[in-house]
Amino acid sequence: EQQALNSVIAKKKLEEQEKHIRELIVWAYGVETYQEMIMLRRQIKAKREQAIYKQRRRQRILMDSVVVVVGALVMGAIVFGTVSLIQGAK
């Protein structure tokens, strides 16, 4: 309950701060500037999300490559060991 309450309080504080910022920007620079700020905020968020997506994709590709290489090495070792056992038995 405490965590939920803290979350709600933090959300309300953030909303209040955004309201004050909006009022200040609109009063000082006009509505167009506030709308421009909102647009820039969305663009920055989209770029950030895209960068995170690319980073996760690179990590996934790297992990897949490591798994394939390790799998190939294990399979090679199994084949080599089997061939060695067969030749040793002759």
N, C-alpha and C. Protein backbone atom coordinates (compact mmCIF):
# COMPACT_ATOMS: atom_id res chain seq x y z
N GLU A 1 0.81 -1.19 0.00
CA GLU A 1 0.00 0.00 0.00
C GLU A 1 0.86 1.26 0.00
N GLN A 2 1.94 1.21 0.76
CA GLN A 2 2.83 2.37 0.85
C GLN A 2 3.45 2.67 -0.52
N GLN A 3 3.84 1.64 -1.21
CA GLN A 3 4.44 1.84 -2.53
C GLN A 3 3.42 2.42 -3.50
N ALA A 4 2.19 1.93 -3.45
CA ALA A 4 1.14 2.46 -4.31
C ALA A 4 0.86 3.92 -3.98
N LEU A 5 0.81 4.24 -2.71
CA LEU A 5 0.57 5.61 -2.28
C LEU A 5 1.70 6.52 -2.75
N ASN A 6 2.93 6.08 -2.58
CA ASN A 6 4.08 6.87 -3.05
C ASN A 6 4.03 7.09 -4.55
N SER A 7 3.61 6.06 -5.27
CA SER A 7 3.51 6.16 -6.72
C SER A 7 2.45 7.18 -7.13
N VAL A 8 1.31 7.15 -6.47
CA VAL A 8 0.24 8.11 -6.77
C VAL A 8 0.69 9.53 -6.43
N ILE A 9 1.33 9.70 -5.30
CA ILE A 9 1.81 11.03 -4.89
C ILE A 9 2.84 11.56 -5.89
N ALA A 10 3.76 10.70 -6.31
CA ALA A 10 4.77 11.12 -7.27
C ALA A 10 4.13 11.50 -8.61
N LYS A 11 3.12 10.75 -9.01
CA LYS A 11 2.42 11.06 -10.26
C LYS A 11 1.72 12.41 -10.16
N LYS A 12 1.07 12.66 -9.05
CA LYS A 12 0.37 13.94 -8.86
C LYS A 12 1.36 15.11 -8.83
N LYS A 13 2.51 14.92 -8.18
CA LYS A 13 3.53 15.97 -8.15
C LYS A 13 4.04 16.26 -9.55
N LEU A 14 4.26 15.20 -10.33
CA LEU A 14 4.74 15.37 -11.70
C LEU A 14 3.71 16.12 -12.53
N GLU A 15 2.44 15.76 -12.39
CA GLU A 15 1.38 16.46 -13.12
C GLU A 15 1.35 17.94 -12.74
N GLU A 16 1.50 18.22 -11.46
CA GLU A 16 1.49 19.60 -10.98
C GLU A 16 2.69 20.38 -11.55
N GLN A 17 3.86 19.74 -11.57
CA GLN A 17 5.05 20.39 -12.12
C GLN A 17 4.86 20.68 -13.62
N GLU A 18 4.31 19.70 -14.34
CA GLU A 18 4.09 19.90 -15.77
C GLU A 18 3.09 21.04 -16.01
N LYS A 19 2.09 21.13 -15.15
CA LYS A 19 1.10 22.20 -15.27
C LYS A 19 1.77 23.55 -15.07
N HIS A 20 2.64 23.65 -14.07
CA HIS A 20 3.35 24.91 -13.82
C HIS A 20 4.29 25.25 -14.98
N ILE A 21 4.98 24.26 -15.49
CA ILE A 21 5.89 24.50 -16.61
C ILE A 21 5.10 24.98 -17.83
N ARG A 22 3.97 24.31 -18.08
CA ARG A 22 3.13 24.71 -19.21
C ARG A 22 2.67 26.17 -19.05
N GLU A 23 2.18 26.49 -17.88
CA GLU A 23 1.71 27.85 -17.64
C GLU A 23 2.83 28.87 -17.83
N LEU A 24 4.00 28.54 -17.33
CA LEU A 24 5.14 29.44 -17.44
C LEU A 24 5.55 29.64 -18.89
N ILE A 25 5.65 28.56 -19.64
CA ILE A 25 6.06 28.65 -21.05
C ILE A 25 5.01 29.39 -21.86
N VAL A 26 3.73 29.05 -21.65
CA VAL A 26 2.66 29.71 -22.39
C VAL A 26 2.64 31.20 -22.07
N TRP A 27 2.81 31.54 -20.81
CA TRP A 27 2.79 32.94 -20.40
C TRP A 27 3.98 33.71 -20.97
N ALA A 28 5.17 33.07 -20.93
CA ALA A 28 6.38 33.78 -21.35
C ALA A 28 6.59 33.76 -22.87
N TYR A 29 6.27 32.64 -23.51
CA TYR A 29 6.63 32.49 -24.93
C TYR A 29 5.44 32.21 -25.85
N GLY A 30 4.32 31.81 -25.31
CA GLY A 30 3.16 31.54 -26.15
C GLY A 30 2.87 30.05 -26.29
N VAL A 31 1.68 29.79 -26.78
CA VAL A 31 1.21 28.41 -26.92
C VAL A 31 2.05 27.64 -27.95
N GLU A 32 2.49 28.33 -29.01
CA GLU A 32 3.26 27.67 -30.05
C GLU A 32 4.55 27.08 -29.50
N THR A 33 5.19 27.80 -28.62
CA THR A 33 6.44 27.31 -28.02
C THR A 33 6.17 26.08 -27.17
N TYR A 34 5.08 26.10 -26.43
CA TYR A 34 4.73 24.92 -25.62
C TYR A 34 4.46 23.72 -26.52
N GLN A 35 3.74 23.92 -27.61
CA GLN A 35 3.46 22.83 -28.53
C GLN A 35 4.75 22.32 -29.18
N GLU A 36 5.66 23.23 -29.47
CA GLU A 36 6.96 22.83 -30.02
C GLU A 36 7.73 21.98 -29.01
N MET A 37 7.67 22.38 -27.74
CA MET A 37 8.35 21.62 -26.69
C MET A 37 7.77 20.21 -26.59
N ILE A 38 6.46 20.10 -26.65
CA ILE A 38 5.81 18.79 -26.59
C ILE A 38 6.23 17.93 -27.78
N MET A 39 6.29 18.54 -28.97
CA MET A 39 6.71 17.81 -30.16
C MET A 39 8.15 17.33 -30.02
N LEU A 40 9.03 18.21 -29.52
CA LEU A 40 10.42 17.83 -29.33
C LEU A 40 10.55 16.72 -28.29
N ARG A 41 9.74 16.78 -27.25
CA ARG A 41 9.75 15.75 -26.21
C ARG A 41 9.39 14.39 -26.83
N ARG A 42 8.38 14.38 -27.69
CA ARG A 42 7.98 13.13 -28.35
C ARG A 42 9.08 12.60 -29.25
N GLN A 43 9.74 13.50 -29.98
CA GLN A 43 10.83 13.08 -30.87
C GLN A 43 11.98 12.49 -30.07
N ILE A 44 12.34 13.14 -28.98
CA ILE A 44 13.43 12.65 -28.14
C ILE A 44 13.09 11.28 -27.57
N LYS A 45 11.85 11.12 -27.12
CA LYS A 45 11.42 9.83 -26.59
C LYS A 45 11.48 8.75 -27.66
N ALA A 46 11.04 9.07 -28.87
CA ALA A 46 11.07 8.09 -29.96
C ALA A 46 12.51 7.70 -30.31
N LYS A 47 13.41 8.68 -30.34
CA LYS A 47 14.82 8.38 -30.63
C LYS A 47 15.42 7.51 -29.54
N ARG A 48 15.09 7.80 -28.29
CA ARG A 48 15.60 7.02 -27.17
C ARG A 48 15.10 5.58 -27.26
N GLU A 49 13.81 5.41 -27.56
CA GLU A 49 13.24 4.07 -27.68
C GLU A 49 13.87 3.31 -28.84
N GLN A 50 14.12 4.01 -29.94
CA GLN A 50 14.74 3.39 -31.10
C GLN A 50 16.18 2.95 -30.77
N ALA A 51 16.90 3.77 -30.04
CA ALA A 51 18.27 3.41 -29.65
C ALA A 51 18.26 2.18 -28.74
N ILE A 52 17.31 2.12 -27.81
CA ILE A 52 17.20 0.96 -26.93
C ILE A 52 16.87 -0.29 -27.73
N TYR A 53 15.96 -0.16 -28.70
CA TYR A 53 15.59 -1.30 -29.55
C TYR A 53 16.80 -1.81 -30.32
N LYS A 54 17.58 -0.88 -30.91
CA LYS A 54 18.76 -1.29 -31.67
C LYS A 54 19.79 -1.97 -30.77
N GLN A 55 19.97 -1.46 -29.57
CA GLN A 55 20.93 -2.05 -28.64
C GLN A 55 20.50 -3.46 -28.26
N ARG A 56 19.23 -3.65 -27.95
CA ARG A 56 18.73 -4.98 -27.60
C ARG A 56 18.84 -5.94 -28.77
N ARG A 57 18.60 -5.44 -29.98
CA ARG A 57 18.72 -6.28 -31.17
C ARG A 57 20.17 -6.73 -31.36
N ARG A 58 21.12 -5.80 -31.19
CA ARG A 58 22.54 -6.17 -31.31
C ARG A 58 22.92 -7.21 -30.25
N GLN A 59 22.43 -7.03 -29.03
CA GLN A 59 22.72 -8.00 -27.98
C GLN A 59 22.15 -9.36 -28.31
N ARG A 60 20.93 -9.39 -28.86
CA ARG A 60 20.30 -10.66 -29.21
C ARG A 60 21.08 -11.36 -30.33
N ILE A 61 21.52 -10.58 -31.34
CA ILE A 61 22.31 -11.15 -32.44
C ILE A 61 23.63 -11.70 -31.91
N LEU A 62 24.27 -10.96 -31.00
CA LEU A 62 25.52 -11.42 -30.42
C LEU A 62 25.32 -12.72 -29.64
N MET A 63 24.27 -12.76 -28.82
CA MET A 63 24.01 -13.98 -28.04
C MET A 63 23.70 -15.16 -28.96
N ASP A 64 22.93 -14.94 -30.01
CA ASP A 64 22.62 -16.00 -30.96
C ASP A 64 23.90 -16.52 -31.62
N SER A 65 24.79 -15.61 -31.97
CA SER A 65 26.05 -15.99 -32.60
C SER A 65 26.90 -16.83 -31.64
N VAL A 66 26.95 -16.40 -30.38
CA VAL A 66 27.73 -17.14 -29.38
C VAL A 66 27.15 -18.55 -29.21
N VAL A 67 25.84 -18.66 -29.15
CA VAL A 67 25.21 -19.97 -28.99
C VAL A 67 25.52 -20.87 -30.18
N VAL A 68 25.46 -20.32 -31.39
CA VAL A 68 25.76 -21.11 -32.58
C VAL A 68 27.21 -21.59 -32.57
N VAL A 69 28.14 -20.69 -32.23
CA VAL A 69 29.56 -21.06 -32.21
C VAL A 69 29.81 -22.13 -31.15
N VAL A 70 29.27 -21.94 -29.96
CA VAL A 70 29.46 -22.92 -28.89
C VAL A 70 28.84 -24.25 -29.29
N GLY A 71 27.66 -24.21 -29.88
CA GLY A 71 27.01 -25.44 -30.34
C GLY A 71 27.84 -26.16 -31.38
N ALA A 72 28.41 -25.40 -32.32
CA ALA A 72 29.25 -26.00 -33.36
C ALA A 72 30.50 -26.61 -32.74
N LEU A 73 31.09 -25.94 -31.76
CA LEU A 73 32.27 -26.50 -31.11
C LEU A 73 31.95 -27.78 -30.35
N VAL A 74 30.83 -27.79 -29.67
CA VAL A 74 30.42 -29.00 -28.94
C VAL A 74 30.16 -30.14 -29.90
N MET A 75 29.45 -29.86 -30.98
CA MET A 75 29.18 -30.91 -31.97
C MET A 75 30.47 -31.42 -32.59
N GLY A 76 31.39 -30.51 -32.89
CA GLY A 76 32.68 -30.91 -33.43
C GLY A 76 33.44 -31.79 -32.45
N ALA A 77 33.40 -31.42 -31.18
CA ALA A 77 34.08 -32.22 -30.16
C ALA A 77 33.45 -33.60 -30.05
N ILE A 78 32.14 -33.68 -30.14
CA ILE A 78 31.45 -34.98 -30.06
C ILE A 78 31.83 -35.85 -31.26
N VAL A 79 31.84 -35.26 -32.45
CA VAL A 79 32.21 -36.02 -33.65
C VAL A 79 33.66 -36.47 -33.54
N PHE A 80 34.54 -35.57 -33.15
CA PHE A 80 35.95 -35.91 -33.02
C PHE A 80 36.15 -37.01 -31.98
N GLY A 81 35.46 -36.89 -30.84
CA GLY A 81 35.58 -37.92 -29.80
C GLY A 81 35.05 -39.25 -30.27
N THR A 82 33.95 -39.25 -30.99
CA THR A 82 33.39 -40.50 -31.50
C THR A 82 34.34 -41.16 -32.50
N VAL A 83 34.88 -40.35 -33.42
CA VAL A 83 35.82 -40.88 -34.41
C VAL A 83 37.06 -41.42 -33.70
N SER A 84 37.54 -40.72 -32.68
CA SER A 84 38.72 -41.18 -31.94
C SER A 84 38.44 -42.50 -31.23
N LEU A 85 37.26 -42.66 -30.65
CA LEU A 85 36.90 -43.90 -29.99
C LEU A 85 36.80 -45.06 -30.97
N ILE A 86 36.23 -44.77 -32.13
CA ILE A 86 36.09 -45.83 -33.13
C ILE A 86 37.46 -46.25 -33.63
N GLN A 87 38.36 -45.31 -33.89
CA GLN A 87 39.70 -45.66 -34.36
C GLN A 87 40.51 -46.33 -33.27
N GLY A 88 40.28 -45.96 -32.03
CA GLY A 88 41.01 -46.57 -30.92
C GLY A 88 40.56 -48.02 -30.68
N ALA A 89 39.33 -48.32 -31.02
CA ALA A 89 38.80 -49.67 -30.82
C ALA A 89 39.31 -50.62 -31.88
N LYS A 90 39.76 -50.13 -33.00
CA LYS A 90 40.23 -51.01 -34.09
C LYS A 90 41.55 -51.55 -33.80
